[in-house]
Amino acid sequence: MVLMNAKAKGSNAERELIHLFWSNSWVALRVAGSGSMQYPCPDVLASNTSRVLAIECKSSGELSRHLPRAQVEDLIRFARLFGAEPWIGARFNDMKWAFFSPDDLKQTGTGFSVSVRMVKEKGLTFEQLLGKF
């Protein structure tokens, strides 16, 4: 069994999310260079005819995942300038995607966190994010 590095795992999770959007009649793309350039940008942009979503993606095999304060602030700033809704997408092992507004994240000393417990308590499912109830 070959262990996947964190960057590859994150890229694969982002691709999985892109496929979910396309299979639900949304247009979506991964943003090249997200996290490695001087300008704020999300990992994924998705849109239908009425909504635009800017999504910062986190995937993990752990029980929680840290988000630096600057990363969340950049997501909010990008979304405001782009006319998009800012969202955090979290994918923990053996669980489906869950989505959070930045306001729903747990504050920590150096930023924010999202956890398996939060997914169960207040994460939106993919269907809820799209407005399919």
N, C-alpha and C. Protein backbone atom coordinates (compact mmCIF):
# COMPACT_ATOMS: atom_id res chain seq x y z
N MET A 1 0.84 -1.18 0.00
CA MET A 1 0.00 0.00 0.00
C MET A 1 0.88 1.24 0.00
N VAL A 2 0.62 2.15 -0.91
CA VAL A 2 1.40 3.38 -1.02
C VAL A 2 0.64 4.49 -0.32
N LEU A 3 1.31 5.18 0.59
CA LEU A 3 0.67 6.29 1.28
C LEU A 3 0.74 7.54 0.41
N MET A 4 -0.33 8.27 0.35
CA MET A 4 -0.41 9.46 -0.46
C MET A 4 0.03 10.67 0.37
N ASN A 5 0.84 11.56 -0.22
CA ASN A 5 1.21 12.75 0.53
C ASN A 5 0.02 13.69 0.64
N ALA A 6 0.12 14.63 1.56
CA ALA A 6 -1.00 15.51 1.88
C ALA A 6 -1.43 16.36 0.68
N LYS A 7 -0.47 16.84 -0.10
CA LYS A 7 -0.81 17.67 -1.26
C LYS A 7 -1.60 16.86 -2.29
N ALA A 8 -1.16 15.63 -2.57
CA ALA A 8 -1.87 14.78 -3.53
C ALA A 8 -3.26 14.43 -3.01
N LYS A 9 -3.37 14.16 -1.71
CA LYS A 9 -4.67 13.83 -1.12
C LYS A 9 -5.62 15.02 -1.26
N GLY A 10 -5.10 16.22 -1.00
CA GLY A 10 -5.92 17.42 -1.14
C GLY A 10 -6.35 17.65 -2.59
N SER A 11 -5.44 17.46 -3.52
CA SER A 11 -5.77 17.63 -4.95
C SER A 11 -6.83 16.62 -5.38
N ASN A 12 -6.70 15.38 -4.94
CA ASN A 12 -7.69 14.36 -5.29
C ASN A 12 -9.06 14.70 -4.70
N ALA A 13 -9.07 15.21 -3.49
CA ALA A 13 -10.33 15.59 -2.86
C ALA A 13 -10.98 16.75 -3.63
N GLU A 14 -10.17 17.72 -4.06
CA GLU A 14 -10.70 18.84 -4.84
C GLU A 14 -11.28 18.34 -6.16
N ARG A 15 -10.59 17.40 -6.82
CA ARG A 15 -11.10 16.84 -8.08
C ARG A 15 -12.44 16.12 -7.85
N GLU A 16 -12.53 15.39 -6.74
CA GLU A 16 -13.77 14.70 -6.40
C GLU A 16 -14.91 15.72 -6.28
N LEU A 17 -14.64 16.83 -5.64
CA LEU A 17 -15.65 17.87 -5.46
C LEU A 17 -16.05 18.47 -6.81
N ILE A 18 -15.09 18.69 -7.68
CA ILE A 18 -15.38 19.22 -9.02
C ILE A 18 -16.35 18.28 -9.74
N HIS A 19 -16.09 16.98 -9.68
CA HIS A 19 -16.96 16.01 -10.34
C HIS A 19 -18.37 16.04 -9.74
N LEU A 20 -18.47 16.21 -8.42
CA LEU A 20 -19.79 16.30 -7.78
C LEU A 20 -20.58 17.49 -8.34
N PHE A 21 -19.91 18.63 -8.46
CA PHE A 21 -20.61 19.81 -9.00
C PHE A 21 -21.07 19.55 -10.43
N TRP A 22 -20.17 19.09 -11.29
CA TRP A 22 -20.53 18.85 -12.69
C TRP A 22 -21.67 17.84 -12.81
N SER A 23 -21.68 16.81 -11.97
CA SER A 23 -22.72 15.78 -12.06
C SER A 23 -24.07 16.29 -11.52
N ASN A 24 -24.06 17.50 -10.95
CA ASN A 24 -25.29 18.12 -10.45
C ASN A 24 -25.63 19.39 -11.22
N SER A 25 -25.16 19.46 -12.46
CA SER A 25 -25.46 20.58 -13.38
C SER A 25 -24.91 21.92 -12.93
N TRP A 26 -23.80 21.90 -12.21
CA TRP A 26 -23.06 23.11 -11.88
C TRP A 26 -21.76 23.09 -12.68
N VAL A 27 -21.18 24.25 -12.88
CA VAL A 27 -19.87 24.38 -13.50
C VAL A 27 -18.88 24.61 -12.37
N ALA A 28 -17.74 23.92 -12.41
CA ALA A 28 -16.76 24.07 -11.32
C ALA A 28 -15.35 23.88 -11.87
N LEU A 29 -14.40 24.51 -11.20
CA LEU A 29 -13.00 24.35 -11.57
C LEU A 29 -12.11 24.52 -10.35
N ARG A 30 -10.94 23.85 -10.42
CA ARG A 30 -9.91 24.05 -9.41
C ARG A 30 -9.12 25.28 -9.81
N VAL A 31 -8.70 26.05 -8.84
CA VAL A 31 -7.94 27.26 -9.13
C VAL A 31 -6.45 26.93 -9.05
N ALA A 32 -5.78 27.07 -10.19
CA ALA A 32 -4.34 26.80 -10.24
C ALA A 32 -3.59 27.76 -9.33
N GLY A 33 -2.68 27.24 -8.55
CA GLY A 33 -1.85 28.09 -7.70
C GLY A 33 -2.50 28.55 -6.42
N SER A 34 -3.70 28.07 -6.12
CA SER A 34 -4.33 28.52 -4.88
C SER A 34 -3.43 28.13 -3.71
N GLY A 35 -3.25 29.06 -2.81
CA GLY A 35 -2.40 28.82 -1.66
C GLY A 35 -0.92 29.08 -1.90
N SER A 36 -0.55 29.38 -3.14
CA SER A 36 0.88 29.58 -3.41
C SER A 36 1.18 30.86 -4.17
N MET A 37 0.22 31.77 -4.24
CA MET A 37 0.49 33.05 -4.89
C MET A 37 0.11 34.19 -3.96
N GLN A 38 0.52 35.38 -4.35
CA GLN A 38 0.33 36.53 -3.46
C GLN A 38 -1.12 37.01 -3.40
N TYR A 39 -1.94 36.61 -4.36
CA TYR A 39 -3.32 37.06 -4.39
C TYR A 39 -4.23 36.03 -3.71
N PRO A 40 -5.26 36.51 -3.03
CA PRO A 40 -6.16 35.55 -2.39
C PRO A 40 -6.98 34.81 -3.44
N CYS A 41 -7.10 33.51 -3.27
CA CYS A 41 -7.96 32.73 -4.16
C CYS A 41 -8.35 31.42 -3.49
N PRO A 42 -9.55 30.94 -3.79
CA PRO A 42 -10.02 29.69 -3.20
C PRO A 42 -9.44 28.49 -3.94
N ASP A 43 -9.71 27.30 -3.42
CA ASP A 43 -9.30 26.08 -4.10
C ASP A 43 -10.23 25.74 -5.26
N VAL A 44 -11.52 26.03 -5.07
CA VAL A 44 -12.53 25.67 -6.06
C VAL A 44 -13.50 26.83 -6.25
N LEU A 45 -13.86 27.07 -7.50
CA LEU A 45 -14.94 27.99 -7.84
C LEU A 45 -16.04 27.17 -8.51
N ALA A 46 -17.28 27.41 -8.10
CA ALA A 46 -18.41 26.68 -8.67
C ALA A 46 -19.57 27.65 -8.88
N SER A 47 -20.34 27.40 -9.94
CA SER A 47 -21.46 28.29 -10.23
C SER A 47 -22.55 27.56 -10.98
N ASN A 48 -23.77 28.04 -10.80
CA ASN A 48 -24.89 27.68 -11.66
C ASN A 48 -25.41 29.00 -12.20
N THR A 49 -26.61 29.07 -12.66
CA THR A 49 -27.07 30.33 -13.24
C THR A 49 -27.42 31.40 -12.21
N SER A 50 -27.44 31.03 -10.93
CA SER A 50 -27.84 32.02 -9.92
C SER A 50 -26.88 32.19 -8.75
N ARG A 51 -25.94 31.30 -8.57
CA ARG A 51 -25.03 31.40 -7.42
C ARG A 51 -23.59 31.15 -7.86
N VAL A 52 -22.67 31.79 -7.13
CA VAL A 52 -21.23 31.55 -7.31
C VAL A 52 -20.66 31.20 -5.94
N LEU A 53 -19.94 30.09 -5.85
CA LEU A 53 -19.36 29.64 -4.59
C LEU A 53 -17.83 29.66 -4.69
N ALA A 54 -17.18 30.21 -3.69
CA ALA A 54 -15.72 30.17 -3.56
C ALA A 54 -15.46 29.24 -2.38
N ILE A 55 -14.74 28.15 -2.64
CA ILE A 55 -14.60 27.11 -1.61
C ILE A 55 -13.14 26.85 -1.30
N GLU A 56 -12.80 26.92 -0.02
CA GLU A 56 -11.50 26.50 0.48
C GLU A 56 -11.68 25.07 0.95
N CYS A 57 -10.92 24.13 0.40
CA CYS A 57 -11.10 22.71 0.69
C CYS A 57 -10.07 22.21 1.71
N LYS A 58 -10.54 21.37 2.61
CA LYS A 58 -9.67 20.71 3.57
C LYS A 58 -10.04 19.24 3.62
N SER A 59 -9.04 18.38 3.48
CA SER A 59 -9.28 16.95 3.62
C SER A 59 -8.28 16.41 4.63
N SER A 60 -8.71 15.40 5.39
CA SER A 60 -7.83 14.91 6.44
C SER A 60 -8.25 13.52 6.89
N GLY A 61 -7.27 12.78 7.36
CA GLY A 61 -7.52 11.50 8.00
C GLY A 61 -7.57 11.65 9.51
N GLU A 62 -7.33 12.86 9.99
CA GLU A 62 -7.37 13.14 11.43
C GLU A 62 -8.79 13.50 11.85
N LEU A 63 -8.99 13.81 13.11
CA LEU A 63 -10.31 14.18 13.62
C LEU A 63 -10.62 15.66 13.46
N SER A 64 -9.58 16.47 13.18
CA SER A 64 -9.80 17.90 12.96
C SER A 64 -8.74 18.44 12.01
N ARG A 65 -9.01 19.63 11.50
CA ARG A 65 -8.08 20.25 10.56
C ARG A 65 -8.01 21.74 10.86
N HIS A 66 -6.79 22.27 10.93
CA HIS A 66 -6.55 23.68 11.23
C HIS A 66 -6.59 24.51 9.95
N LEU A 67 -7.12 25.71 10.05
CA LEU A 67 -7.08 26.69 8.96
C LEU A 67 -6.45 27.96 9.51
N PRO A 68 -5.33 28.39 8.95
CA PRO A 68 -4.72 29.64 9.42
C PRO A 68 -5.68 30.81 9.23
N ARG A 69 -5.63 31.75 10.14
CA ARG A 69 -6.52 32.92 10.09
C ARG A 69 -6.43 33.64 8.74
N ALA A 70 -5.21 33.82 8.23
CA ALA A 70 -5.03 34.53 6.96
C ALA A 70 -5.72 33.81 5.81
N GLN A 71 -5.74 32.48 5.83
CA GLN A 71 -6.38 31.72 4.76
C GLN A 71 -7.89 31.96 4.73
N VAL A 72 -8.50 32.01 5.89
CA VAL A 72 -9.94 32.26 5.97
C VAL A 72 -10.24 33.71 5.60
N GLU A 73 -9.43 34.63 6.08
CA GLU A 73 -9.61 36.04 5.73
C GLU A 73 -9.46 36.26 4.23
N ASP A 74 -8.49 35.58 3.61
CA ASP A 74 -8.30 35.70 2.16
C ASP A 74 -9.50 35.14 1.39
N LEU A 75 -10.06 34.03 1.86
CA LEU A 75 -11.24 33.47 1.23
C LEU A 75 -12.40 34.47 1.26
N ILE A 76 -12.62 35.06 2.42
CA ILE A 76 -13.71 36.04 2.57
C ILE A 76 -13.47 37.24 1.67
N ARG A 77 -12.23 37.72 1.63
CA ARG A 77 -11.89 38.89 0.80
C ARG A 77 -12.09 38.57 -0.68
N PHE A 78 -11.59 37.40 -1.12
CA PHE A 78 -11.76 37.01 -2.51
C PHE A 78 -13.24 36.93 -2.86
N ALA A 79 -14.01 36.25 -2.02
CA ALA A 79 -15.44 36.07 -2.28
C ALA A 79 -16.15 37.41 -2.41
N ARG A 80 -15.83 38.33 -1.54
CA ARG A 80 -16.45 39.66 -1.58
C ARG A 80 -16.11 40.36 -2.90
N LEU A 81 -14.85 40.34 -3.30
CA LEU A 81 -14.42 41.01 -4.52
C LEU A 81 -14.95 40.31 -5.78
N PHE A 82 -15.12 39.00 -5.73
CA PHE A 82 -15.54 38.21 -6.88
C PHE A 82 -17.06 38.11 -6.99
N GLY A 83 -17.76 38.47 -5.92
CA GLY A 83 -19.21 38.33 -5.92
C GLY A 83 -19.65 36.91 -5.66
N ALA A 84 -18.90 36.21 -4.81
CA ALA A 84 -19.17 34.80 -4.51
C ALA A 84 -19.51 34.61 -3.04
N GLU A 85 -20.06 33.45 -2.73
CA GLU A 85 -20.30 33.06 -1.34
C GLU A 85 -19.06 32.31 -0.85
N PRO A 86 -18.49 32.69 0.30
CA PRO A 86 -17.34 31.95 0.83
C PRO A 86 -17.78 30.71 1.60
N TRP A 87 -17.14 29.57 1.31
CA TRP A 87 -17.45 28.32 1.99
C TRP A 87 -16.18 27.55 2.28
N ILE A 88 -16.20 26.82 3.37
CA ILE A 88 -15.14 25.86 3.69
C ILE A 88 -15.72 24.48 3.43
N GLY A 89 -15.05 23.70 2.59
CA GLY A 89 -15.46 22.32 2.34
C GLY A 89 -14.52 21.40 3.08
N ALA A 90 -15.05 20.49 3.87
CA ALA A 90 -14.23 19.57 4.66
C ALA A 90 -14.58 18.13 4.29
N ARG A 91 -13.53 17.34 4.08
CA ARG A 91 -13.71 15.92 3.72
C ARG A 91 -12.79 15.10 4.61
N PHE A 92 -13.38 14.43 5.59
CA PHE A 92 -12.62 13.55 6.47
C PHE A 92 -12.75 12.12 5.96
N ASN A 93 -11.75 11.28 6.24
CA ASN A 93 -11.76 9.90 5.75
C ASN A 93 -13.09 9.22 6.00
N ASP A 94 -13.56 8.48 5.02
CA ASP A 94 -14.79 7.69 5.11
C ASP A 94 -16.04 8.52 5.40
N MET A 95 -15.97 9.82 5.15
CA MET A 95 -17.14 10.68 5.34
C MET A 95 -17.36 11.45 4.05
N LYS A 96 -18.59 11.89 3.86
CA LYS A 96 -18.91 12.72 2.70
C LYS A 96 -18.48 14.15 2.97
N TRP A 97 -18.48 14.96 1.92
CA TRP A 97 -18.15 16.37 2.06
C TRP A 97 -19.14 17.06 2.99
N ALA A 98 -18.63 18.01 3.76
CA ALA A 98 -19.47 18.88 4.59
C ALA A 98 -19.00 20.30 4.35
N PHE A 99 -19.92 21.25 4.47
CA PHE A 99 -19.62 22.64 4.14
C PHE A 99 -20.00 23.56 5.28
N PHE A 100 -19.16 24.58 5.45
CA PHE A 100 -19.32 25.53 6.56
C PHE A 100 -19.14 26.95 6.06
N SER A 101 -19.96 27.82 6.59
CA SER A 101 -19.73 29.25 6.43
C SER A 101 -18.52 29.59 7.30
N PRO A 102 -17.70 30.56 6.91
CA PRO A 102 -16.59 30.94 7.79
C PRO A 102 -17.04 31.28 9.21
N ASP A 103 -18.25 31.81 9.36
CA ASP A 103 -18.77 32.15 10.69
C ASP A 103 -19.01 30.92 11.56
N ASP A 104 -19.14 29.75 10.94
CA ASP A 104 -19.40 28.52 11.69
C ASP A 104 -18.14 27.81 12.17
N LEU A 105 -16.97 28.28 11.75
CA LEU A 105 -15.73 27.63 12.14
C LEU A 105 -15.42 27.90 13.61
N LYS A 106 -14.72 26.98 14.22
CA LYS A 106 -14.29 27.15 15.60
C LYS A 106 -13.00 27.99 15.61
N GLN A 107 -12.99 29.05 16.41
CA GLN A 107 -11.79 29.89 16.51
C GLN A 107 -10.77 29.23 17.42
N THR A 108 -9.51 29.31 16.99
CA THR A 108 -8.39 28.83 17.80
C THR A 108 -7.44 30.01 18.00
N GLY A 109 -6.35 29.80 18.70
CA GLY A 109 -5.41 30.89 18.94
C GLY A 109 -4.79 31.46 17.68
N THR A 110 -4.56 30.62 16.68
CA THR A 110 -3.87 31.07 15.46
C THR A 110 -4.76 31.04 14.23
N GLY A 111 -6.03 30.74 14.40
CA GLY A 111 -6.90 30.67 13.24
C GLY A 111 -8.22 30.02 13.57
N PHE A 112 -8.52 28.97 12.82
CA PHE A 112 -9.79 28.30 12.94
C PHE A 112 -9.58 26.80 12.80
N SER A 113 -10.61 26.03 13.16
CA SER A 113 -10.54 24.59 12.94
C SER A 113 -11.90 24.08 12.54
N VAL A 114 -11.85 22.93 11.88
CA VAL A 114 -13.05 22.20 11.52
C VAL A 114 -12.79 20.75 11.94
N SER A 115 -13.82 20.08 12.41
CA SER A 115 -13.62 18.73 12.94
C SER A 115 -14.74 17.78 12.53
N VAL A 116 -14.48 16.51 12.74
CA VAL A 116 -15.50 15.48 12.48
C VAL A 116 -16.74 15.78 13.32
N ARG A 117 -16.53 16.18 14.55
CA ARG A 117 -17.67 16.51 15.42
C ARG A 117 -18.50 17.65 14.84
N MET A 118 -17.83 18.68 14.31
CA MET A 118 -18.53 19.82 13.70
C MET A 118 -19.32 19.37 12.47
N VAL A 119 -18.74 18.45 11.69
CA VAL A 119 -19.43 17.93 10.51
C VAL A 119 -20.78 17.35 10.93
N LYS A 120 -20.76 16.57 11.99
CA LYS A 120 -21.98 15.92 12.46
C LYS A 120 -22.97 16.91 13.07
N GLU A 121 -22.46 17.96 13.71
CA GLU A 121 -23.33 18.91 14.42
C GLU A 121 -23.88 20.02 13.53
N LYS A 122 -23.08 20.58 12.64
CA LYS A 122 -23.58 21.72 11.87
C LYS A 122 -23.07 21.83 10.45
N GLY A 123 -22.43 20.80 9.95
CA GLY A 123 -21.99 20.85 8.55
C GLY A 123 -23.15 20.66 7.59
N LEU A 124 -23.13 21.39 6.50
CA LEU A 124 -24.12 21.19 5.45
C LEU A 124 -23.64 20.07 4.53
N THR A 125 -24.55 19.23 4.10
CA THR A 125 -24.20 18.22 3.10
C THR A 125 -24.05 18.92 1.75
N PHE A 126 -23.51 18.20 0.78
CA PHE A 126 -23.39 18.75 -0.56
C PHE A 126 -24.76 19.15 -1.10
N GLU A 127 -25.74 18.29 -0.89
CA GLU A 127 -27.10 18.56 -1.36
C GLU A 127 -27.67 19.81 -0.69
N GLN A 128 -27.44 19.97 0.59
CA GLN A 128 -27.91 21.18 1.28
C GLN A 128 -27.21 22.42 0.76
N LEU A 129 -25.92 22.32 0.50
CA LEU A 129 -25.18 23.46 -0.06
C LEU A 129 -25.80 23.91 -1.37
N LEU A 130 -26.20 22.97 -2.20
CA LEU A 130 -26.78 23.29 -3.50
C LEU A 130 -28.25 23.71 -3.39
N GLY A 131 -28.84 23.54 -2.21
CA GLY A 131 -30.24 23.90 -2.03
C GLY A 131 -31.20 22.78 -2.37
N LYS A 132 -30.67 21.54 -2.46
CA LYS A 132 -31.53 20.37 -2.72
C LYS A 132 -31.85 19.71 -1.38
N PHE A 133 -33.06 19.86 -0.92
CA PHE A 133 -33.41 19.28 0.39
C PHE A 133 -34.28 18.08 0.22
